[in-house]
Amino acid sequence: MANTPQSKKRARQNERRNDINKARRSRIRTFLRKVEEAIASGDAGVAKAALEAAQPELARGITKGVLHKNTVARKMSRLSSRVKALSN
């Protein structure tokens, strides 16, 4: 349990940040799920649009510290190759 005033404040801040980061992760997962569903449906146009909408959200996840940059790079690479395969 937090004893010092500083540790009590940090505990409060961590609680707030956790809620914010949870919402950000959820938002990112929603965008990724839309891309996955578009790929599963086989519609290349919708999948491409969903991927373009997901890219800035993933990039924002990096800048906000929610996701690691290599994780985002891997996800983007794999999704974009799958979307590209749909159009061929």
N, C-alpha and C. Protein backbone atom coordinates (compact mmCIF):
# COMPACT_ATOMS: atom_id res chain seq x y z
N MET A 1 0.84 -1.19 0.00
CA MET A 1 0.00 0.00 0.00
C MET A 1 0.88 1.24 0.00
N ALA A 2 0.43 2.27 -0.70
CA ALA A 2 1.18 3.52 -0.79
C ALA A 2 1.16 4.24 0.55
N ASN A 3 2.33 4.68 1.00
CA ASN A 3 2.43 5.36 2.29
C ASN A 3 2.77 6.84 2.15
N THR A 4 3.76 7.15 1.35
CA THR A 4 4.19 8.55 1.24
C THR A 4 3.23 9.31 0.33
N PRO A 5 3.18 10.61 0.48
CA PRO A 5 2.30 11.42 -0.40
C PRO A 5 2.64 11.22 -1.87
N GLN A 6 3.92 11.10 -2.17
CA GLN A 6 4.34 10.91 -3.56
C GLN A 6 3.82 9.58 -4.12
N SER A 7 3.94 8.52 -3.33
CA SER A 7 3.49 7.22 -3.81
C SER A 7 1.97 7.17 -3.92
N LYS A 8 1.26 7.91 -3.05
CA LYS A 8 -0.19 7.98 -3.15
C LYS A 8 -0.61 8.69 -4.43
N LYS A 9 0.09 9.76 -4.75
CA LYS A 9 -0.19 10.50 -5.98
C LYS A 9 0.09 9.62 -7.19
N ARG A 10 1.23 8.92 -7.18
CA ARG A 10 1.57 8.04 -8.30
C ARG A 10 0.50 6.96 -8.49
N ALA A 11 -0.02 6.45 -7.39
CA ALA A 11 -1.07 5.43 -7.48
C ALA A 11 -2.31 5.99 -8.15
N ARG A 12 -2.67 7.24 -7.79
CA ARG A 12 -3.83 7.88 -8.42
C ARG A 12 -3.57 8.10 -9.91
N GLN A 13 -2.38 8.57 -10.24
CA GLN A 13 -2.04 8.82 -11.65
C GLN A 13 -2.06 7.52 -12.45
N ASN A 14 -1.49 6.47 -11.85
CA ASN A 14 -1.46 5.18 -12.55
C ASN A 14 -2.86 4.65 -12.83
N GLU A 15 -3.77 4.86 -11.89
CA GLU A 15 -5.14 4.43 -12.08
C GLU A 15 -5.78 5.15 -13.27
N ARG A 16 -5.58 6.48 -13.32
CA ARG A 16 -6.13 7.27 -14.43
C ARG A 16 -5.51 6.85 -15.76
N ARG A 17 -4.19 6.71 -15.79
CA ARG A 17 -3.51 6.34 -17.03
C ARG A 17 -3.96 4.96 -17.50
N ASN A 18 -4.18 4.06 -16.55
CA ASN A 18 -4.62 2.71 -16.89
C ASN A 18 -5.96 2.75 -17.61
N ASP A 19 -6.89 3.56 -17.11
CA ASP A 19 -8.20 3.68 -17.75
C ASP A 19 -8.07 4.26 -19.16
N ILE A 20 -7.24 5.29 -19.29
CA ILE A 20 -7.05 5.93 -20.60
C ILE A 20 -6.41 4.96 -21.58
N ASN A 21 -5.38 4.26 -21.13
CA ASN A 21 -4.68 3.32 -22.02
C ASN A 21 -5.57 2.14 -22.39
N LYS A 22 -6.42 1.73 -21.46
CA LYS A 22 -7.35 0.63 -21.75
C LYS A 22 -8.30 1.04 -22.87
N ALA A 23 -8.79 2.27 -22.81
CA ALA A 23 -9.70 2.78 -23.85
C ALA A 23 -8.97 2.87 -25.19
N ARG A 24 -7.72 3.32 -25.15
CA ARG A 24 -6.95 3.42 -26.40
C ARG A 24 -6.72 2.05 -27.02
N ARG A 25 -6.33 1.08 -26.19
CA ARG A 25 -6.11 -0.29 -26.70
C ARG A 25 -7.40 -0.86 -27.30
N SER A 26 -8.51 -0.62 -26.64
CA SER A 26 -9.79 -1.11 -27.11
C SER A 26 -10.14 -0.49 -28.47
N ARG A 27 -9.90 0.81 -28.59
CA ARG A 27 -10.17 1.52 -29.86
C ARG A 27 -9.31 0.95 -30.98
N ILE A 28 -8.04 0.70 -30.70
CA ILE A 28 -7.13 0.14 -31.70
C ILE A 28 -7.59 -1.25 -32.11
N ARG A 29 -7.98 -2.06 -31.13
CA ARG A 29 -8.45 -3.43 -31.44
C ARG A 29 -9.69 -3.40 -32.30
N THR A 30 -10.57 -2.41 -32.08
CA THR A 30 -11.78 -2.29 -32.88
C THR A 30 -11.42 -2.02 -34.35
N PHE A 31 -10.47 -1.11 -34.56
CA PHE A 31 -10.04 -0.82 -35.93
C PHE A 31 -9.42 -2.06 -36.57
N LEU A 32 -8.61 -2.80 -35.81
CA LEU A 32 -7.99 -4.01 -36.35
C LEU A 32 -9.04 -5.06 -36.67
N ARG A 33 -10.05 -5.17 -35.82
CA ARG A 33 -11.11 -6.15 -36.06
C ARG A 33 -11.87 -5.82 -37.33
N LYS A 34 -12.08 -4.52 -37.60
CA LYS A 34 -12.77 -4.13 -38.83
C LYS A 34 -11.97 -4.55 -40.06
N VAL A 35 -10.65 -4.42 -39.98
CA VAL A 35 -9.80 -4.85 -41.09
C VAL A 35 -9.91 -6.36 -41.26
N GLU A 36 -9.82 -7.09 -40.15
CA GLU A 36 -9.91 -8.56 -40.19
C GLU A 36 -11.24 -9.01 -40.80
N GLU A 37 -12.33 -8.36 -40.39
CA GLU A 37 -13.64 -8.74 -40.92
C GLU A 37 -13.75 -8.45 -42.40
N ALA A 38 -13.16 -7.34 -42.84
CA ALA A 38 -13.19 -7.00 -44.26
C ALA A 38 -12.38 -8.00 -45.07
N ILE A 39 -11.24 -8.43 -44.51
CA ILE A 39 -10.42 -9.44 -45.20
C ILE A 39 -11.19 -10.75 -45.28
N ALA A 40 -11.85 -11.12 -44.18
CA ALA A 40 -12.62 -12.38 -44.15
C ALA A 40 -13.77 -12.36 -45.15
N SER A 41 -14.39 -11.18 -45.35
CA SER A 41 -15.50 -11.09 -46.29
C SER A 41 -15.01 -11.15 -47.74
N GLY A 42 -13.73 -10.86 -47.95
CA GLY A 42 -13.16 -10.95 -49.29
C GLY A 42 -13.33 -9.70 -50.12
N ASP A 43 -13.80 -8.62 -49.54
CA ASP A 43 -14.00 -7.36 -50.26
C ASP A 43 -12.73 -6.52 -50.17
N ALA A 44 -11.99 -6.44 -51.27
CA ALA A 44 -10.70 -5.76 -51.27
C ALA A 44 -10.84 -4.26 -51.02
N GLY A 45 -11.85 -3.64 -51.58
CA GLY A 45 -12.04 -2.19 -51.41
C GLY A 45 -12.31 -1.81 -49.97
N VAL A 46 -13.20 -2.57 -49.34
CA VAL A 46 -13.54 -2.29 -47.94
C VAL A 46 -12.33 -2.57 -47.05
N ALA A 47 -11.61 -3.64 -47.35
CA ALA A 47 -10.43 -4.00 -46.56
C ALA A 47 -9.36 -2.91 -46.66
N LYS A 48 -9.17 -2.39 -47.86
CA LYS A 48 -8.17 -1.33 -48.06
C LYS A 48 -8.56 -0.07 -47.29
N ALA A 49 -9.84 0.28 -47.35
CA ALA A 49 -10.33 1.46 -46.62
C ALA A 49 -10.18 1.27 -45.11
N ALA A 50 -10.49 0.08 -44.63
CA ALA A 50 -10.38 -0.21 -43.20
C ALA A 50 -8.92 -0.16 -42.75
N LEU A 51 -8.04 -0.65 -43.59
CA LEU A 51 -6.61 -0.62 -43.26
C LEU A 51 -6.10 0.82 -43.20
N GLU A 52 -6.52 1.64 -44.15
CA GLU A 52 -6.10 3.05 -44.15
C GLU A 52 -6.64 3.79 -42.92
N ALA A 53 -7.82 3.39 -42.44
CA ALA A 53 -8.37 4.00 -41.24
C ALA A 53 -7.63 3.52 -39.99
N ALA A 54 -7.14 2.29 -40.03
CA ALA A 54 -6.46 1.71 -38.86
C ALA A 54 -5.03 2.21 -38.70
N GLN A 55 -4.39 2.57 -39.80
CA GLN A 55 -2.98 2.99 -39.74
C GLN A 55 -2.73 4.15 -38.79
N PRO A 56 -3.47 5.27 -38.87
CA PRO A 56 -3.20 6.36 -37.93
C PRO A 56 -3.50 5.99 -36.48
N GLU A 57 -4.47 5.11 -36.27
CA GLU A 57 -4.77 4.69 -34.90
C GLU A 57 -3.60 3.90 -34.32
N LEU A 58 -3.03 3.03 -35.12
CA LEU A 58 -1.87 2.26 -34.67
C LEU A 58 -0.69 3.18 -34.40
N ALA A 59 -0.48 4.14 -35.29
CA ALA A 59 0.63 5.09 -35.09
C ALA A 59 0.42 5.90 -33.82
N ARG A 60 -0.81 6.26 -33.53
CA ARG A 60 -1.11 6.99 -32.31
C ARG A 60 -0.84 6.13 -31.09
N GLY A 61 -1.07 4.83 -31.22
CA GLY A 61 -0.76 3.91 -30.13
C GLY A 61 0.71 3.91 -29.78
N ILE A 62 1.57 4.09 -30.79
CA ILE A 62 3.01 4.17 -30.55
C ILE A 62 3.35 5.45 -29.80
N THR A 63 2.86 6.57 -30.32
CA THR A 63 3.23 7.86 -29.72
C THR A 63 2.70 8.01 -28.31
N LYS A 64 1.57 7.38 -28.01
CA LYS A 64 1.00 7.47 -26.67
C LYS A 64 1.58 6.43 -25.72
N GLY A 65 2.42 5.56 -26.24
CA GLY A 65 3.08 4.59 -25.38
C GLY A 65 2.25 3.37 -25.05
N VAL A 66 1.18 3.14 -25.79
CA VAL A 66 0.33 1.99 -25.52
C VAL A 66 0.89 0.74 -26.18
N LEU A 67 1.47 0.90 -27.36
CA LEU A 67 2.02 -0.22 -28.12
C LEU A 67 3.48 0.05 -28.47
N HIS A 68 4.24 -1.02 -28.61
CA HIS A 68 5.64 -0.89 -29.03
C HIS A 68 5.69 -0.72 -30.54
N LYS A 69 6.66 0.04 -31.02
CA LYS A 69 6.71 0.35 -32.45
C LYS A 69 6.92 -0.90 -33.30
N ASN A 70 7.67 -1.87 -32.80
CA ASN A 70 7.88 -3.09 -33.59
C ASN A 70 6.61 -3.93 -33.66
N THR A 71 5.82 -3.90 -32.62
CA THR A 71 4.53 -4.61 -32.62
C THR A 71 3.63 -4.03 -33.70
N VAL A 72 3.57 -2.71 -33.75
CA VAL A 72 2.73 -2.04 -34.75
C VAL A 72 3.27 -2.30 -36.15
N ALA A 73 4.58 -2.26 -36.31
CA ALA A 73 5.17 -2.51 -37.62
C ALA A 73 4.82 -3.93 -38.10
N ARG A 74 4.89 -4.88 -37.18
CA ARG A 74 4.56 -6.27 -37.53
C ARG A 74 3.10 -6.41 -37.93
N LYS A 75 2.21 -5.81 -37.13
CA LYS A 75 0.78 -5.90 -37.43
C LYS A 75 0.45 -5.24 -38.77
N MET A 76 1.04 -4.05 -39.00
CA MET A 76 0.78 -3.34 -40.25
C MET A 76 1.28 -4.15 -41.45
N SER A 77 2.46 -4.71 -41.31
CA SER A 77 3.05 -5.49 -42.40
C SER A 77 2.17 -6.68 -42.75
N ARG A 78 1.76 -7.40 -41.73
CA ARG A 78 0.96 -8.61 -41.96
C ARG A 78 -0.41 -8.27 -42.53
N LEU A 79 -1.05 -7.23 -42.00
CA LEU A 79 -2.36 -6.84 -42.50
C LEU A 79 -2.28 -6.33 -43.93
N SER A 80 -1.28 -5.48 -44.21
CA SER A 80 -1.19 -4.91 -45.55
C SER A 80 -0.90 -5.99 -46.59
N SER A 81 -0.10 -6.99 -46.22
CA SER A 81 0.17 -8.07 -47.18
C SER A 81 -1.08 -8.90 -47.44
N ARG A 82 -1.90 -9.08 -46.41
CA ARG A 82 -3.15 -9.83 -46.58
C ARG A 82 -4.15 -9.03 -47.42
N VAL A 83 -4.21 -7.72 -47.22
CA VAL A 83 -5.10 -6.88 -48.02
C VAL A 83 -4.64 -6.85 -49.46
N LYS A 84 -3.33 -6.78 -49.66
CA LYS A 84 -2.77 -6.77 -51.00
C LYS A 84 -3.07 -8.07 -51.72
N ALA A 85 -3.03 -9.19 -50.99
CA ALA A 85 -3.32 -10.49 -51.60
C ALA A 85 -4.78 -10.58 -52.07
N LEU A 86 -5.68 -9.86 -51.40
CA LEU A 86 -7.08 -9.86 -51.80
C LEU A 86 -7.27 -9.23 -53.18
N SER A 87 -6.53 -8.17 -53.46
CA SER A 87 -6.73 -7.43 -54.71
C SER A 87 -6.13 -8.16 -55.91
N ASN A 88 -5.25 -9.12 -55.66
CA ASN A 88 -4.64 -9.87 -56.79
C ASN A 88 -5.52 -10.98 -57.27
